[in-house]
Amino acid sequence: MTKKDIILKVSDETNLKQIDVKKVVQKTFDTIVEALTRGEKIELRNFGVFKVKQRKSRTGRNPRTNQTIPVPPRKVVVFKAGLEMKQKVK
């Protein structure tokens, strides 16, 4: 499912204009990204939690040459599904 699919579904079910739904959906995503950029945790009850996690530096390996290379530390976004989502997906 794409963002456009979400917009179409919400628009159909709420009888709102697609352009209005698109603005709300995009602003929601922008707000989540901005908060994660500041290092904040996004907790959506019964849906899940988005947070930024710091990965340590490590030694990697180039699979072609088998040469070891250092991989620098980096930040990654992780998502942990909420209880209700886990139960429905089962």
C-alpha atoms as a PDB file:
ATOM      1  CA  MET A   1       0.000   0.000   0.000  1.00  0.00           C
ATOM      2  CA  THR A   2       1.336   3.415  -0.960  1.00  0.00           C
ATOM      3  CA  LYS A   3       0.703   6.862   0.473  1.00  0.00           C
ATOM      4  CA  LYS A   4      -1.673   7.520  -2.426  1.00  0.00           C
ATOM      5  CA  ASP A   5      -3.631   4.356  -1.560  1.00  0.00           C
ATOM      6  CA  ILE A   6      -3.971   5.562   2.038  1.00  0.00           C
ATOM      7  CA  ILE A   7      -5.180   8.970   0.850  1.00  0.00           C
ATOM      8  CA  LEU A   8      -7.752   7.411  -1.490  1.00  0.00           C
ATOM      9  CA  LYS A   9      -9.067   5.048   1.207  1.00  0.00           C
ATOM     10  CA  VAL A  10      -9.372   7.778   3.852  1.00  0.00           C
ATOM     11  CA  SER A  11     -10.986  10.127   1.326  1.00  0.00           C
ATOM     12  CA  ASP A  12     -13.542   7.505   0.299  1.00  0.00           C
ATOM     13  CA  GLU A  13     -14.420   6.540   3.870  1.00  0.00           C
ATOM     14  CA  THR A  14     -14.678  10.089   5.232  1.00  0.00           C
ATOM     15  CA  ASN A  15     -16.112  11.910   2.195  1.00  0.00           C
ATOM     16  CA  LEU A  16     -13.321  14.482   2.447  1.00  0.00           C
ATOM     17  CA  LYS A  17     -11.559  15.876  -0.607  1.00  0.00           C
ATOM     18  CA  GLN A  18      -8.406  14.010  -1.593  1.00  0.00           C
ATOM     19  CA  ILE A  19      -6.374  17.217  -1.539  1.00  0.00           C
ATOM     20  CA  ASP A  20      -7.373  17.887   2.080  1.00  0.00           C
ATOM     21  CA  VAL A  21      -6.582  14.315   3.131  1.00  0.00           C
ATOM     22  CA  LYS A  22      -3.247  14.516   1.300  1.00  0.00           C
ATOM     23  CA  LYS A  23      -2.291  17.668   3.245  1.00  0.00           C
ATOM     24  CA  VAL A  24      -3.141  16.027   6.574  1.00  0.00           C
ATOM     25  CA  VAL A  25      -1.310  12.780   5.775  1.00  0.00           C
ATOM     26  CA  GLN A  26       1.780  14.625   4.509  1.00  0.00           C
ATOM     27  CA  LYS A  27       1.843  16.950   7.524  1.00  0.00           C
ATOM     28  CA  THR A  28       1.550  13.915   9.817  1.00  0.00           C
ATOM     29  CA  PHE A  29       4.543  12.267   8.150  1.00  0.00           C
ATOM     30  CA  ASP A  30       6.513  15.541   8.215  1.00  0.00           C
ATOM     31  CA  THR A  31       5.822  15.964  11.928  1.00  0.00           C
ATOM     32  CA  ILE A  32       6.997  12.405  12.660  1.00  0.00           C
ATOM     33  CA  VAL A  33      10.211  12.941  10.684  1.00  0.00           C
ATOM     34  CA  GLU A  34      10.885  16.284  12.399  1.00  0.00           C
ATOM     35  CA  ALA A  35      10.451  14.727  15.843  1.00  0.00           C
ATOM     36  CA  LEU A  36      12.739  11.801  14.986  1.00  0.00           C
ATOM     37  CA  THR A  37      15.326  14.269  13.669  1.00  0.00           C
ATOM     38  CA  ARG A  38      15.315  15.925  17.101  1.00  0.00           C
ATOM     39  CA  GLY A  39      15.806  12.496  18.707  1.00  0.00           C
ATOM     40  CA  GLU A  40      12.283  12.289  20.126  1.00  0.00           C
ATOM     41  CA  LYS A  41      10.261   9.097  20.449  1.00  0.00           C
ATOM     42  CA  ILE A  42       6.900   8.867  18.652  1.00  0.00           C
ATOM     43  CA  GLU A  43       4.415   6.701  20.535  1.00  0.00           C
ATOM     44  CA  LEU A  44       1.088   5.959  18.854  1.00  0.00           C
ATOM     45  CA  ARG A  45      -1.092   3.938  21.245  1.00  0.00           C
ATOM     46  CA  ASN A  46      -2.076   0.496  19.944  1.00  0.00           C
ATOM     47  CA  PHE A  47      -0.100   1.151  16.741  1.00  0.00           C
ATOM     48  CA  GLY A  48       3.544   1.282  17.730  1.00  0.00           C
ATOM     49  CA  VAL A  49       6.610   3.296  18.629  1.00  0.00           C
ATOM     50  CA  PHE A  50       9.136   4.976  16.334  1.00  0.00           C
ATOM     51  CA  LYS A  51      12.485   5.944  17.824  1.00  0.00           C
ATOM     52  CA  VAL A  52      16.044   6.719  16.802  1.00  0.00           C
ATOM     53  CA  LYS A  53      18.684   4.235  17.858  1.00  0.00           C
ATOM     54  CA  GLN A  54      22.450   4.740  17.784  1.00  0.00           C
ATOM     55  CA  ARG A  55      24.363   1.899  16.160  1.00  0.00           C
ATOM     56  CA  LYS A  56      27.944   1.375  17.303  1.00  0.00           C
ATOM     57  CA  SER A  57      30.881   1.339  14.938  1.00  0.00           C
ATOM     58  CA  ARG A  58      31.898  -2.114  13.812  1.00  0.00           C
ATOM     59  CA  THR A  59      34.140  -3.966  11.426  1.00  0.00           C
ATOM     60  CA  GLY A  60      32.468  -5.018   8.194  1.00  0.00           C
ATOM     61  CA  ARG A  61      33.607  -7.151   5.292  1.00  0.00           C
ATOM     62  CA  ASN A  62      33.474  -6.489   1.555  1.00  0.00           C
ATOM     63  CA  PRO A  63      31.889  -9.686   0.155  1.00  0.00           C
ATOM     64  CA  ARG A  64      33.685  -9.358  -3.205  1.00  0.00           C
ATOM     65  CA  THR A  65      37.221  -8.873  -1.945  1.00  0.00           C
ATOM     66  CA  ASN A  66      36.816 -10.349   1.547  1.00  0.00           C
ATOM     67  CA  GLN A  67      38.606  -7.229   2.814  1.00  0.00           C
ATOM     68  CA  THR A  68      37.639  -5.912   6.263  1.00  0.00           C
ATOM     69  CA  ILE A  69      36.496  -2.305   6.437  1.00  0.00           C
ATOM     70  CA  PRO A  70      35.480  -0.102   9.374  1.00  0.00           C
ATOM     71  CA  VAL A  71      31.784   0.841   9.474  1.00  0.00           C
ATOM     72  CA  PRO A  72      31.245   4.143  11.309  1.00  0.00           C
ATOM     73  CA  PRO A  73      28.576   4.625  13.988  1.00  0.00           C
ATOM     74  CA  ARG A  74      25.212   5.810  12.699  1.00  0.00           C
ATOM     75  CA  LYS A  75      21.667   6.543  13.731  1.00  0.00           C
ATOM     76  CA  VAL A  76      18.779   4.407  12.483  1.00  0.00           C
ATOM     77  CA  VAL A  77      15.012   4.638  12.888  1.00  0.00           C
ATOM     78  CA  VAL A  78      13.426   1.594  14.510  1.00  0.00           C
ATOM     79  CA  PHE A  79       9.749   0.698  14.798  1.00  0.00           C
ATOM     80  CA  LYS A  80       8.211  -1.562  17.395  1.00  0.00           C
ATOM     81  CA  ALA A  81       4.628  -2.614  16.762  1.00  0.00           C
ATOM     82  CA  GLY A  82       2.047  -2.045  19.486  1.00  0.00           C
ATOM     83  CA  LEU A  83       0.117  -4.850  21.155  1.00  0.00           C
ATOM     84  CA  GLU A  84      -3.112  -4.304  19.226  1.00  0.00           C
ATOM     85  CA  MET A  85      -1.284  -4.264  15.885  1.00  0.00           C
ATOM     86  CA  LYS A  86       0.619  -7.432  16.768  1.00  0.00           C
ATOM     87  CA  GLN A  87      -2.607  -9.219  17.641  1.00  0.00           C
ATOM     88  CA  LYS A  88      -4.394  -8.151  14.454  1.00  0.00           C
ATOM     89  CA  VAL A  89      -1.475  -9.067  12.197  1.00  0.00           C
ATOM     90  CA  LYS A  90      -1.188 -12.555  13.681  1.00  0.00           C
END
